[in-house]
C-alpha atoms as a PDB file:
ATOM      1  CA  UNK A   1       0.000   0.000   0.000  1.00  0.00           C
ATOM      2  CA  UNK A   2       1.367   3.406  -0.967  1.00  0.00           C
ATOM      3  CA  UNK A   3       1.890   6.091   1.712  1.00  0.00           C
ATOM      4  CA  UNK A   4       1.103   9.713   0.883  1.00  0.00           C
ATOM      5  CA  UNK A   5       3.928  11.684   2.548  1.00  0.00           C
ATOM      6  CA  UNK A   6       2.249  14.960   1.752  1.00  0.00           C
ATOM      7  CA  UNK A   7      -0.766  13.943   3.856  1.00  0.00           C
ATOM      8  CA  UNK A   8       1.481  12.953   6.761  1.00  0.00           C
ATOM      9  CA  UNK A   9       3.277  16.283   6.554  1.00  0.00           C
ATOM     10  CA  UNK A  10      -0.066  18.112   6.643  1.00  0.00           C
ATOM     11  CA  UNK A  11      -1.188  16.233   9.708  1.00  0.00           C
ATOM     12  CA  UNK A  12       2.157  16.882  11.410  1.00  0.00           C
ATOM     13  CA  UNK A  13       1.886  20.583  10.613  1.00  0.00           C
ATOM     14  CA  UNK A  14      -1.611  20.766  12.097  1.00  0.00           C
ATOM     15  CA  UNK A  15      -0.455  18.942  15.224  1.00  0.00           C
ATOM     16  CA  UNK A  16       2.537  21.230  15.548  1.00  0.00           C
ATOM     17  CA  UNK A  17       0.399  24.358  15.188  1.00  0.00           C
ATOM     18  CA  UNK A  18      -2.088  22.960  17.726  1.00  0.00           C
ATOM     19  CA  UNK A  19       0.629  22.155  20.258  1.00  0.00           C
ATOM     20  CA  UNK A  20       2.255  25.568  19.825  1.00  0.00           C
ATOM     21  CA  UNK A  21      -1.128  27.208  20.258  1.00  0.00           C
ATOM     22  CA  UNK A  22      -1.713  25.286  23.476  1.00  0.00           C
ATOM     23  CA  UNK A  23       1.733  26.240  24.757  1.00  0.00           C
ATOM     24  CA  UNK A  24       1.095  29.927  23.970  1.00  0.00           C
ATOM     25  CA  UNK A  25      -2.341  29.758  25.619  1.00  0.00           C
ATOM     26  CA  UNK A  26      -0.948  28.089  28.738  1.00  0.00           C
ATOM     27  CA  UNK A  27       1.892  30.622  28.861  1.00  0.00           C
ATOM     28  CA  UNK A  28      -0.554  33.521  28.662  1.00  0.00           C
ATOM     29  CA  UNK A  29      -2.727  31.978  31.366  1.00  0.00           C
ATOM     30  CA  UNK A  30       0.304  31.394  33.576  1.00  0.00           C
ATOM     31  CA  UNK A  31       1.492  34.959  33.015  1.00  0.00           C
ATOM     32  CA  UNK A  32      -1.952  36.311  33.871  1.00  0.00           C
ATOM     33  CA  UNK A  33      -2.097  34.200  37.034  1.00  0.00           C
ATOM     34  CA  UNK A  34       1.348  35.427  38.026  1.00  0.00           C
ATOM     35  CA  UNK A  35       0.336  39.077  37.531  1.00  0.00           C
ATOM     36  CA  UNK A  36      -2.881  38.542  39.487  1.00  0.00           C
ATOM     37  CA  UNK A  37      -0.937  36.902  42.287  1.00  0.00           C
ATOM     38  CA  UNK A  38       1.558  39.743  42.355  1.00  0.00           C
ATOM     39  CA  UNK A  39      -1.249  42.330  42.458  1.00  0.00           C
ATOM     40  CA  UNK A  40      -3.021  40.422  45.241  1.00  0.00           C
ATOM     41  CA  UNK A  41       0.217  40.132  47.194  1.00  0.00           C
ATOM     42  CA  UNK A  42       0.873  43.850  46.752  1.00  0.00           C
ATOM     43  CA  UNK A  43      -2.667  44.715  47.840  1.00  0.00           C
ATOM     44  CA  UNK A  44      -2.362  42.373  50.817  1.00  0.00           C
ATOM     45  CA  UNK A  45       0.922  44.008  51.796  1.00  0.00           C
ATOM     46  CA  UNK A  46      -0.696  47.451  51.480  1.00  0.00           C
ATOM     47  CA  UNK A  47      -3.597  46.320  53.664  1.00  0.00           C
ATOM     48  CA  UNK A  48      -1.258  45.020  56.371  1.00  0.00           C
ATOM     49  CA  UNK A  49       0.834  48.197  56.203  1.00  0.00           C
ATOM     50  CA  UNK A  50      -2.202  50.494  56.425  1.00  0.00           C
ATOM     51  CA  UNK A  51      -3.654  48.503  59.323  1.00  0.00           C
ATOM     52  CA  UNK A  52      -0.341  48.890  61.125  1.00  0.00           C
ATOM     53  CA  UNK A  53      -0.360  52.644  60.493  1.00  0.00           C
ATOM     54  CA  UNK A  54      -3.962  52.856  61.749  1.00  0.00           C
ATOM     55  CA  UNK A  55      -3.054  50.874  64.854  1.00  0.00           C
ATOM     56  CA  UNK A  56      -0.202  53.302  65.526  1.00  0.00           C
ATOM     57  CA  UNK A  57      -2.743  56.118  65.461  1.00  0.00           C
ATOM     58  CA  UNK A  58      -5.002  54.173  67.814  1.00  0.00           C
ATOM     59  CA  UNK A  59      -2.137  53.747  70.285  1.00  0.00           C
ATOM     60  CA  UNK A  60      -1.480  57.490  70.107  1.00  0.00           C
ATOM     61  CA  UNK A  61      -5.136  58.011  70.950  1.00  0.00           C
ATOM     62  CA  UNK A  62      -4.825  55.740  73.982  1.00  0.00           C
ATOM     63  CA  UNK A  63      -1.777  57.694  75.109  1.00  0.00           C
ATOM     64  CA  UNK A  64      -3.654  60.998  74.805  1.00  0.00           C
ATOM     65  CA  UNK A  65      -6.503  59.683  76.959  1.00  0.00           C
ATOM     66  CA  UNK A  66      -4.102  58.205  79.483  1.00  0.00           C
ATOM     67  CA  UNK A  67      -2.245  61.497  79.951  1.00  0.00           C
ATOM     68  CA  UNK A  68      -5.473  63.514  80.144  1.00  0.00           C
ATOM     69  CA  UNK A  69      -7.020  64.714  83.408  1.00  0.00           C
ATOM     70  CA  UNK A  70      -9.968  62.322  83.963  1.00  0.00           C
ATOM     71  CA  UNK A  71     -11.738  64.751  86.299  1.00  0.00           C
ATOM     72  CA  UNK A  72     -12.664  67.232  83.576  1.00  0.00           C
ATOM     73  CA  UNK A  73     -13.054  66.825  79.825  1.00  0.00           C
ATOM     74  CA  UNK A  74     -13.563  69.539  77.250  1.00  0.00           C
ATOM     75  CA  UNK A  75     -12.556  70.469  73.712  1.00  0.00           C
ATOM     76  CA  UNK A  76      -9.491  72.217  75.167  1.00  0.00           C
ATOM     77  CA  UNK A  77      -7.905  68.867  76.045  1.00  0.00           C
ATOM     78  CA  UNK A  78      -5.158  67.325  73.918  1.00  0.00           C
ATOM     79  CA  UNK A  79      -7.346  64.370  72.904  1.00  0.00           C
ATOM     80  CA  UNK A  80      -9.869  66.785  71.385  1.00  0.00           C
ATOM     81  CA  UNK A  81      -7.212  68.155  68.992  1.00  0.00           C
ATOM     82  CA  UNK A  82      -6.066  64.722  67.862  1.00  0.00           C
ATOM     83  CA  UNK A  83      -7.428  65.130  64.348  1.00  0.00           C
ATOM     84  CA  UNK A  84      -5.367  68.248  63.690  1.00  0.00           C
ATOM     85  CA  UNK A  85      -2.297  66.978  65.532  1.00  0.00           C
ATOM     86  CA  UNK A  86      -2.264  63.709  63.567  1.00  0.00           C
ATOM     87  CA  UNK A  87      -1.111  65.590  60.462  1.00  0.00           C
ATOM     88  CA  UNK A  88       2.453  65.365  61.769  1.00  0.00           C
ATOM     89  CA  UNK A  89       2.255  61.569  61.513  1.00  0.00           C
ATOM     90  CA  UNK A  90       3.631  61.843  57.956  1.00  0.00           C
ATOM     91  CA  UNK A  91       7.064  62.138  59.574  1.00  0.00           C
ATOM     92  CA  UNK A  92       6.695  58.737  61.235  1.00  0.00           C
ATOM     93  CA  UNK A  93       6.263  56.528  58.159  1.00  0.00           C
ATOM     94  CA  UNK A  94       7.884  55.879  54.789  1.00  0.00           C
ATOM     95  CA  UNK A  95       6.115  56.103  51.428  1.00  0.00           C
ATOM     96  CA  UNK A  96       4.034  59.130  52.463  1.00  0.00           C
ATOM     97  CA  UNK A  97       1.846  57.047  54.780  1.00  0.00           C
ATOM     98  CA  UNK A  98       0.059  58.782  57.667  1.00  0.00           C
ATOM     99  CA  UNK A  99      -2.752  58.253  60.128  1.00  0.00           C
ATOM    100  CA  UNK A 100      -5.754  60.463  60.725  1.00  0.00           C
ATOM    101  CA  UNK A 101      -6.850  60.235  64.357  1.00  0.00           C
ATOM    102  CA  UNK A 102     -10.114  61.396  65.870  1.00  0.00           C
ATOM    103  CA  UNK A 103     -11.314  60.892  69.443  1.00  0.00           C
ATOM    104  CA  UNK A 104     -15.013  61.344  70.143  1.00  0.00           C
ATOM    105  CA  UNK A 105     -16.355  61.864  73.654  1.00  0.00           C
ATOM    106  CA  UNK A 106     -19.351  59.545  73.917  1.00  0.00           C
ATOM    107  CA  UNK A 107     -20.425  61.283  77.132  1.00  0.00           C
ATOM    108  CA  UNK A 108     -21.383  64.214  74.933  1.00  0.00           C
ATOM    109  CA  UNK A 109     -24.150  62.078  73.417  1.00  0.00           C
ATOM    110  CA  UNK A 110     -27.528  60.852  74.687  1.00  0.00           C
ATOM    111  CA  UNK A 111     -27.290  57.368  76.281  1.00  0.00           C
ATOM    112  CA  UNK A 112     -30.205  55.572  74.666  1.00  0.00           C
ATOM    113  CA  UNK A 113     -29.938  52.478  76.884  1.00  0.00           C
ATOM    114  CA  UNK A 114     -30.885  54.736  79.810  1.00  0.00           C
ATOM    115  CA  UNK A 115     -34.362  55.214  78.342  1.00  0.00           C
ATOM    116  CA  UNK A 116     -35.650  52.679  80.879  1.00  0.00           C
ATOM    117  CA  UNK A 117     -34.813  52.079  84.540  1.00  0.00           C
ATOM    118  CA  UNK A 118     -34.012  48.790  86.253  1.00  0.00           C
ATOM    119  CA  UNK A 119     -37.718  47.976  86.570  1.00  0.00           C
ATOM    120  CA  UNK A 120     -38.178  48.232  82.824  1.00  0.00           C
ATOM    121  CA  UNK A 121     -40.239  51.404  83.086  1.00  0.00           C
ATOM    122  CA  UNK A 122     -39.477  54.693  81.381  1.00  0.00           C
ATOM    123  CA  UNK A 123     -36.718  56.833  82.863  1.00  0.00           C
ATOM    124  CA  UNK A 124     -38.774  60.011  82.547  1.00  0.00           C
ATOM    125  CA  UNK A 125     -35.862  62.461  82.319  1.00  0.00           C
ATOM    126  CA  UNK A 126     -34.141  60.459  79.575  1.00  0.00           C
ATOM    127  CA  UNK A 127     -37.440  60.028  77.740  1.00  0.00           C
ATOM    128  CA  UNK A 128     -37.968  63.798  77.762  1.00  0.00           C
ATOM    129  CA  UNK A 129     -34.482  64.363  76.282  1.00  0.00           C
ATOM    130  CA  UNK A 130     -35.073  61.832  73.510  1.00  0.00           C
ATOM    131  CA  UNK A 131     -38.547  63.244  72.862  1.00  0.00           C
ATOM    132  CA  UNK A 132     -37.104  66.733  72.385  1.00  0.00           C
ATOM    133  CA  UNK A 133     -34.394  65.333  70.109  1.00  0.00           C
ATOM    134  CA  UNK A 134     -36.757  63.392  67.838  1.00  0.00           C
ATOM    135  CA  UNK A 135     -39.284  66.258  67.796  1.00  0.00           C
ATOM    136  CA  UNK A 136     -36.790  68.679  66.242  1.00  0.00           C
ATOM    137  CA  UNK A 137     -37.853  69.926  62.782  1.00  0.00           C
ATOM    138  CA  UNK A 138     -34.655  68.475  61.264  1.00  0.00           C
ATOM    139  CA  UNK A 139     -36.092  64.943  61.604  1.00  0.00           C
ATOM    140  CA  UNK A 140     -39.552  65.808  60.252  1.00  0.00           C
ATOM    141  CA  UNK A 141     -41.452  63.454  62.568  1.00  0.00           C
ATOM    142  CA  UNK A 142     -45.044  63.884  63.743  1.00  0.00           C
ATOM    143  CA  UNK A 143     -45.540  63.741  67.506  1.00  0.00           C
ATOM    144  CA  UNK A 144     -47.386  60.416  67.411  1.00  0.00           C
ATOM    145  CA  UNK A 145     -44.506  58.974  65.352  1.00  0.00           C
ATOM    146  CA  UNK A 146     -42.020  60.180  67.968  1.00  0.00           C
ATOM    147  CA  UNK A 147     -44.019  58.447  70.690  1.00  0.00           C
ATOM    148  CA  UNK A 148     -44.233  55.238  68.651  1.00  0.00           C
ATOM    149  CA  UNK A 149     -40.463  55.191  68.101  1.00  0.00           C
ATOM    150  CA  UNK A 150     -39.740  55.714  71.799  1.00  0.00           C
ATOM    151  CA  UNK A 151     -42.168  52.943  72.719  1.00  0.00           C
ATOM    152  CA  UNK A 152     -40.526  50.670  70.171  1.00  0.00           C
ATOM    153  CA  UNK A 153     -37.058  51.356  71.611  1.00  0.00           C
ATOM    154  CA  UNK A 154     -38.394  50.710  75.116  1.00  0.00           C
ATOM    155  CA  UNK A 155     -39.916  47.399  74.036  1.00  0.00           C
ATOM    156  CA  UNK A 156     -36.665  46.429  72.325  1.00  0.00           C
ATOM    157  CA  UNK A 157     -34.511  46.942  75.424  1.00  0.00           C
ATOM    158  CA  UNK A 158     -36.845  46.024  78.274  1.00  0.00           C
ATOM    159  CA  UNK A 159     -36.842  42.455  79.589  1.00  0.00           C
ATOM    160  CA  UNK A 160     -40.472  41.529  79.050  1.00  0.00           C
ATOM    161  CA  UNK A 161     -42.334  40.594  75.891  1.00  0.00           C
ATOM    162  CA  UNK A 162     -45.292  42.882  76.483  1.00  0.00           C
ATOM    163  CA  UNK A 163     -45.870  45.685  73.995  1.00  0.00           C
ATOM    164  CA  UNK A 164     -46.058  49.282  75.156  1.00  0.00           C
ATOM    165  CA  UNK A 165     -49.275  50.654  73.652  1.00  0.00           C
ATOM    166  CA  UNK A 166     -49.243  47.575  71.367  1.00  0.00           C
ATOM    167  CA  UNK A 167     -46.317  48.988  69.384  1.00  0.00           C
ATOM    168  CA  UNK A 168     -43.650  46.339  68.778  1.00  0.00           C
ATOM    169  CA  UNK A 169     -42.509  43.169  70.508  1.00  0.00           C
ATOM    170  CA  UNK A 170     -41.829  39.687  69.147  1.00  0.00           C
ATOM    171  CA  UNK A 171     -45.392  39.476  67.882  1.00  0.00           C
ATOM    172  CA  UNK A 172     -44.453  42.177  65.361  1.00  0.00           C
ATOM    173  CA  UNK A 173     -40.874  41.257  64.444  1.00  0.00           C
ATOM    174  CA  UNK A 174     -41.717  37.578  63.877  1.00  0.00           C
ATOM    175  CA  UNK A 175     -44.273  38.513  61.182  1.00  0.00           C
ATOM    176  CA  UNK A 176     -41.756  40.372  58.997  1.00  0.00           C
ATOM    177  CA  UNK A 177     -40.623  38.950  55.635  1.00  0.00           C
ATOM    178  CA  UNK A 178     -37.284  38.221  57.281  1.00  0.00           C
ATOM    179  CA  UNK A 179     -38.346  37.608  60.890  1.00  0.00           C
ATOM    180  CA  UNK A 180     -36.091  38.109  63.896  1.00  0.00           C
ATOM    181  CA  UNK A 181     -36.503  38.289  67.646  1.00  0.00           C
ATOM    182  CA  UNK A 182     -36.760  41.382  69.790  1.00  0.00           C
ATOM    183  CA  UNK A 183     -33.620  41.632  71.938  1.00  0.00           C
ATOM    184  CA  UNK A 184     -35.372  42.415  75.244  1.00  0.00           C
ATOM    185  CA  UNK A 185     -32.032  43.628  76.600  1.00  0.00           C
ATOM    186  CA  UNK A 186     -29.865  46.751  76.294  1.00  0.00           C
ATOM    187  CA  UNK A 187     -28.514  47.591  72.845  1.00  0.00           C
ATOM    188  CA  UNK A 188     -25.114  46.043  72.149  1.00  0.00           C
ATOM    189  CA  UNK A 189     -24.394  48.421  69.273  1.00  0.00           C
ATOM    190  CA  UNK A 190     -25.952  51.646  68.115  1.00  0.00           C
ATOM    191  CA  UNK A 191     -26.575  50.179  64.639  1.00  0.00           C
ATOM    192  CA  UNK A 192     -28.959  47.735  66.289  1.00  0.00           C
ATOM    193  CA  UNK A 193     -31.495  50.575  66.339  1.00  0.00           C
ATOM    194  CA  UNK A 194     -31.978  49.925  62.622  1.00  0.00           C
ATOM    195  CA  UNK A 195     -33.826  46.748  63.642  1.00  0.00           C
ATOM    196  CA  UNK A 196     -36.281  48.701  65.778  1.00  0.00           C
ATOM    197  CA  UNK A 197     -39.690  49.453  64.311  1.00  0.00           C
ATOM    198  CA  UNK A 198     -39.978  53.000  62.963  1.00  0.00           C
ATOM    199  CA  UNK A 199     -36.251  53.742  62.685  1.00  0.00           C
ATOM    200  CA  UNK A 200     -35.348  54.059  59.015  1.00  0.00           C
ATOM    201  CA  UNK A 201     -31.868  54.297  57.549  1.00  0.00           C
ATOM    202  CA  UNK A 202     -32.538  57.926  56.640  1.00  0.00           C
ATOM    203  CA  UNK A 203     -33.532  58.761  60.216  1.00  0.00           C
ATOM    204  CA  UNK A 204     -30.548  56.858  61.609  1.00  0.00           C
ATOM    205  CA  UNK A 205     -27.803  57.945  59.197  1.00  0.00           C
ATOM    206  CA  UNK A 206     -29.286  61.218  57.974  1.00  0.00           C
ATOM    207  CA  UNK A 207     -28.932  62.722  54.504  1.00  0.00           C
ATOM    208  CA  UNK A 208     -26.379  64.897  52.728  1.00  0.00           C
ATOM    209  CA  UNK A 209     -27.986  67.937  54.343  1.00  0.00           C
ATOM    210  CA  UNK A 210     -29.046  66.709  57.789  1.00  0.00           C
ATOM    211  CA  UNK A 211     -27.263  64.475  60.301  1.00  0.00           C
ATOM    212  CA  UNK A 212     -29.090  61.375  61.492  1.00  0.00           C
ATOM    213  CA  UNK A 213     -29.905  60.493  65.094  1.00  0.00           C
ATOM    214  CA  UNK A 214     -26.838  58.216  65.232  1.00  0.00           C
ATOM    215  CA  UNK A 215     -24.646  61.326  65.532  1.00  0.00           C
ATOM    216  CA  UNK A 216     -26.300  62.251  68.815  1.00  0.00           C
ATOM    217  CA  UNK A 217     -26.782  58.890  70.544  1.00  0.00           C
ATOM    218  CA  UNK A 218     -24.613  56.343  72.336  1.00  0.00           C
ATOM    219  CA  UNK A 219     -25.219  52.998  74.023  1.00  0.00           C
ATOM    220  CA  UNK A 220     -22.747  53.858  76.814  1.00  0.00           C
ATOM    221  CA  UNK A 221     -22.917  56.111  79.834  1.00  0.00           C
ATOM    222  CA  UNK A 222     -24.531  56.531  83.243  1.00  0.00           C
ATOM    223  CA  UNK A 223     -27.236  58.902  82.049  1.00  0.00           C
ATOM    224  CA  UNK A 224     -25.314  62.149  82.490  1.00  0.00           C
ATOM    225  CA  UNK A 225     -24.199  64.177  79.467  1.00  0.00           C
ATOM    226  CA  UNK A 226     -20.932  66.118  79.354  1.00  0.00           C
ATOM    227  CA  UNK A 227     -22.040  69.705  78.794  1.00  0.00           C
ATOM    228  CA  UNK A 228     -18.446  70.605  77.839  1.00  0.00           C
ATOM    229  CA  UNK A 229     -18.505  68.403  74.727  1.00  0.00           C
ATOM    230  CA  UNK A 230     -22.168  67.892  73.833  1.00  0.00           C
ATOM    231  CA  UNK A 231     -23.212  68.733  70.279  1.00  0.00           C
ATOM    232  CA  UNK A 232     -25.441  71.842  69.978  1.00  0.00           C
ATOM    233  CA  UNK A 233     -28.344  69.528  69.010  1.00  0.00           C
ATOM    234  CA  UNK A 234     -27.828  67.565  72.227  1.00  0.00           C
ATOM    235  CA  UNK A 235     -27.547  70.778  74.259  1.00  0.00           C
ATOM    236  CA  UNK A 236     -30.921  71.935  72.968  1.00  0.00           C
ATOM    237  CA  UNK A 237     -32.408  68.555  73.892  1.00  0.00           C
ATOM    238  CA  UNK A 238     -31.428  68.987  77.543  1.00  0.00           C
ATOM    239  CA  UNK A 239     -34.230  71.417  78.366  1.00  0.00           C
ATOM    240  CA  UNK A 240     -37.413  72.747  76.835  1.00  0.00           C
ATOM    241  CA  UNK A 241     -36.324  76.204  78.033  1.00  0.00           C
ATOM    242  CA  UNK A 242     -33.227  76.310  75.773  1.00  0.00           C
ATOM    243  CA  UNK A 243     -33.520  77.937  72.358  1.00  0.00           C
ATOM    244  CA  UNK A 244     -31.037  78.278  69.500  1.00  0.00           C
ATOM    245  CA  UNK A 245     -29.663  81.606  70.714  1.00  0.00           C
ATOM    246  CA  UNK A 246     -28.967  80.159  74.150  1.00  0.00           C
ATOM    247  CA  UNK A 247     -27.230  77.162  72.606  1.00  0.00           C
ATOM    248  CA  UNK A 248     -24.996  79.524  70.631  1.00  0.00           C
ATOM    249  CA  UNK A 249     -24.092  81.413  73.818  1.00  0.00           C
ATOM    250  CA  UNK A 250     -23.224  78.185  75.628  1.00  0.00           C
ATOM    251  CA  UNK A 251     -21.036  76.985  72.744  1.00  0.00           C
ATOM    252  CA  UNK A 252     -19.272  80.356  72.450  1.00  0.00           C
ATOM    253  CA  UNK A 253     -18.565  80.409  76.190  1.00  0.00           C
ATOM    254  CA  UNK A 254     -17.008  76.947  76.290  1.00  0.00           C
ATOM    255  CA  UNK A 255     -14.869  77.662  73.199  1.00  0.00           C
ATOM    256  CA  UNK A 256     -13.052  80.419  75.116  1.00  0.00           C
ATOM    257  CA  UNK A 257     -10.169  78.706  76.913  1.00  0.00           C
ATOM    258  CA  UNK A 258     -10.129  81.521  79.448  1.00  0.00           C
ATOM    259  CA  UNK A 259     -13.459  80.376  80.894  1.00  0.00           C
ATOM    260  CA  UNK A 260     -13.674  77.907  83.768  1.00  0.00           C
ATOM    261  CA  UNK A 261     -15.545  74.718  82.783  1.00  0.00           C
ATOM    262  CA  UNK A 262     -14.797  72.721  85.949  1.00  0.00           C
ATOM    263  CA  UNK A 263     -18.373  72.873  87.186  1.00  0.00           C
ATOM    264  CA  UNK A 264     -21.401  71.895  85.065  1.00  0.00           C
ATOM    265  CA  UNK A 265     -23.221  74.956  86.389  1.00  0.00           C
ATOM    266  CA  UNK A 266     -20.985  77.188  84.243  1.00  0.00           C
ATOM    267  CA  UNK A 267     -23.731  77.362  81.625  1.00  0.00           C
ATOM    268  CA  UNK A 268     -25.613  79.733  83.953  1.00  0.00           C
ATOM    269  CA  UNK A 269     -22.738  82.214  83.734  1.00  0.00           C
ATOM    270  CA  UNK A 270     -22.747  81.831  79.949  1.00  0.00           C
ATOM    271  CA  UNK A 271     -26.462  82.672  79.868  1.00  0.00           C
ATOM    272  CA  UNK A 272     -26.312  85.344  82.557  1.00  0.00           C
ATOM    273  CA  UNK A 273     -28.833  83.650  84.822  1.00  0.00           C
ATOM    274  CA  UNK A 274     -29.079  81.950  88.200  1.00  0.00           C
ATOM    275  CA  UNK A 275     -32.018  79.806  87.145  1.00  0.00           C
ATOM    276  CA  UNK A 276     -31.449  76.022  86.892  1.00  0.00           C
ATOM    277  CA  UNK A 277     -32.537  75.798  83.265  1.00  0.00           C
ATOM    278  CA  UNK A 278     -30.985  72.339  82.943  1.00  0.00           C
ATOM    279  CA  UNK A 279     -31.652  69.582  85.485  1.00  0.00           C
ATOM    280  CA  UNK A 280     -28.333  69.165  87.359  1.00  0.00           C
ATOM    281  CA  UNK A 281     -28.849  65.379  87.425  1.00  0.00           C
ATOM    282  CA  UNK A 282     -28.525  65.337  83.623  1.00  0.00           C
ATOM    283  CA  UNK A 283     -25.136  66.993  83.152  1.00  0.00           C
ATOM    284  CA  UNK A 284     -21.502  66.460  84.066  1.00  0.00           C
ATOM    285  CA  UNK A 285     -18.088  67.761  83.039  1.00  0.00           C
ATOM    286  CA  UNK A 286     -16.169  64.476  82.864  1.00  0.00           C
ATOM    287  CA  UNK A 287     -16.301  61.425  80.639  1.00  0.00           C
ATOM    288  CA  UNK A 288     -15.610  57.709  80.843  1.00  0.00           C
ATOM    289  CA  UNK A 289     -16.410  56.486  77.321  1.00  0.00           C
ATOM    290  CA  UNK A 290     -14.647  57.505  74.131  1.00  0.00           C
ATOM    291  CA  UNK A 291     -14.565  56.317  70.542  1.00  0.00           C
ATOM    292  CA  UNK A 292     -11.152  56.295  68.866  1.00  0.00           C
ATOM    293  CA  UNK A 293     -11.156  56.445  65.076  1.00  0.00           C
ATOM    294  CA  UNK A 294      -7.792  55.963  63.413  1.00  0.00           C
ATOM    295  CA  UNK A 295      -7.391  55.775  59.641  1.00  0.00           C
ATOM    296  CA  UNK A 296      -4.162  54.625  57.977  1.00  0.00           C
ATOM    297  CA  UNK A 297      -3.759  56.500  54.694  1.00  0.00           C
ATOM    298  CA  UNK A 298      -1.456  56.168  51.706  1.00  0.00           C
ATOM    299  CA  UNK A 299      -2.553  58.056  48.611  1.00  0.00           C
ATOM    300  CA  UNK A 300      -6.070  56.942  47.711  1.00  0.00           C
ATOM    301  CA  UNK A 301      -5.880  53.797  49.861  1.00  0.00           C
ATOM    302  CA  UNK A 302      -6.937  53.648  53.497  1.00  0.00           C
ATOM    303  CA  UNK A 303      -7.876  51.309  56.346  1.00  0.00           C
ATOM    304  CA  UNK A 304      -9.686  52.429  59.469  1.00  0.00           C
ATOM    305  CA  UNK A 305      -9.921  51.194  63.050  1.00  0.00           C
ATOM    306  CA  UNK A 306     -12.833  52.189  65.275  1.00  0.00           C
ATOM    307  CA  UNK A 307     -12.687  51.248  68.928  1.00  0.00           C
ATOM    308  CA  UNK A 308     -14.729  52.124  71.997  1.00  0.00           C
ATOM    309  CA  UNK A 309     -12.656  52.703  75.125  1.00  0.00           C
ATOM    310  CA  UNK A 310     -13.678  53.028  78.752  1.00  0.00           C
ATOM    311  CA  UNK A 311     -11.425  55.190  80.913  1.00  0.00           C
ATOM    312  CA  UNK A 312     -11.565  54.861  84.681  1.00  0.00           C
ATOM    313  CA  UNK A 313      -8.927  57.051  86.339  1.00  0.00           C
ATOM    314  CA  UNK A 314      -5.712  55.907  84.606  1.00  0.00           C
ATOM    315  CA  UNK A 315      -7.137  52.569  83.505  1.00  0.00           C
ATOM    316  CA  UNK A 316      -8.160  52.103  79.849  1.00  0.00           C
ATOM    317  CA  UNK A 317     -10.300  49.191  78.639  1.00  0.00           C
ATOM    318  CA  UNK A 318     -11.119  48.468  74.989  1.00  0.00           C
ATOM    319  CA  UNK A 319     -14.818  47.524  74.828  1.00  0.00           C
ATOM    320  CA  UNK A 320     -15.189  47.059  71.083  1.00  0.00           C
ATOM    321  CA  UNK A 321     -12.963  46.944  68.012  1.00  0.00           C
ATOM    322  CA  UNK A 322     -13.868  47.202  64.331  1.00  0.00           C
ATOM    323  CA  UNK A 323     -11.697  47.399  61.222  1.00  0.00           C
ATOM    324  CA  UNK A 324     -13.151  49.064  58.127  1.00  0.00           C
END
C-alpha cells in the first residue's frame, strides 16, 4: 500500500500548530495568574501596612486619653485636637503614609440604653431628652410617630415581651418577611437601632444635608451628658427652656479657653442667669467612654480602626474593636 507523505506532513503541521497554540495559551494563562498573584500580594501588603499605620494612630489616641485629666473633659484637652495633631504623623512613616486620628467623647451624646430604669419602666428624664431630640424639625417626625419610636425602643430593650401601647414586641418582628426576635435587653451596638420598628436608615444615618440620630446617641454612659462636649443639638435637647440663641451662647462660652468649665453649672454664667434651666442630674463635666477612630492613609488607599474605650482614672479598657 502506498503512503502519501504529503498527507502525513499536513497532519504533522496541524499537530505542531495545535501544540504551539496550546503552549502559547498556557503561557498567557500562567502569566496572567502570576500578575494577578503579584497584584493580590501587593494589595495584601498594602492592607497590612495600612492597618499597622492605623493601629499606631489608635495607640497614640490611647496615650492621649491616658495622659489627660480624667476629672474634667472639654474640647481644650489634647485628645480633642487629635485630628489636627495627627497631620504630623507623615514624619513617622515611609512612602508618604500617615494616620488620621479622631477621638469622640461619647459622654457628649444621649445614652439611649438609659431610656428605661431597672424595673423596665421609662426613665422620665431620659425620655424627655429623647422626645425633644426626635421632635426637632430636622427629623420631620409627627408627635405620634415620635411616641411610637420611643415605645418601640423601650420594648426592644426592656426584659419583658409585652408591647407598650401595642407597638412592637416579638409578635411584630416575627411577622416580617425576614423575621427576627426582639432583643429584650440593652442595645449592644448603636446600629442595632436599625432593627427597631420605625427607625429608618434615613432617620438613623441622615442625609447629605441633615445628620441622622446616630450622631447624637450612644449605648454607653450613666445617664449624664458632658455639657463641655455635647453637640449643639444635644444641648438643645437637655431642656425645653433652651432655644437656638442660648445654645450659641453656651457653645461660644465653652470655646473660650479663658473660661472655667470645671463645674457643670458654668452654663448659667454663659447665659447670665441663676435659674437652673438644665436639670443638674442630667449633666456632668467628665467622661468615661470615648470612641477612637484611626485611619491609615497612603494616597487613595486607606484602612480604618474604630474602637470604643472606657477610661476609669488611669485605667483604659477596649470595649469594642472594628476594622473598616
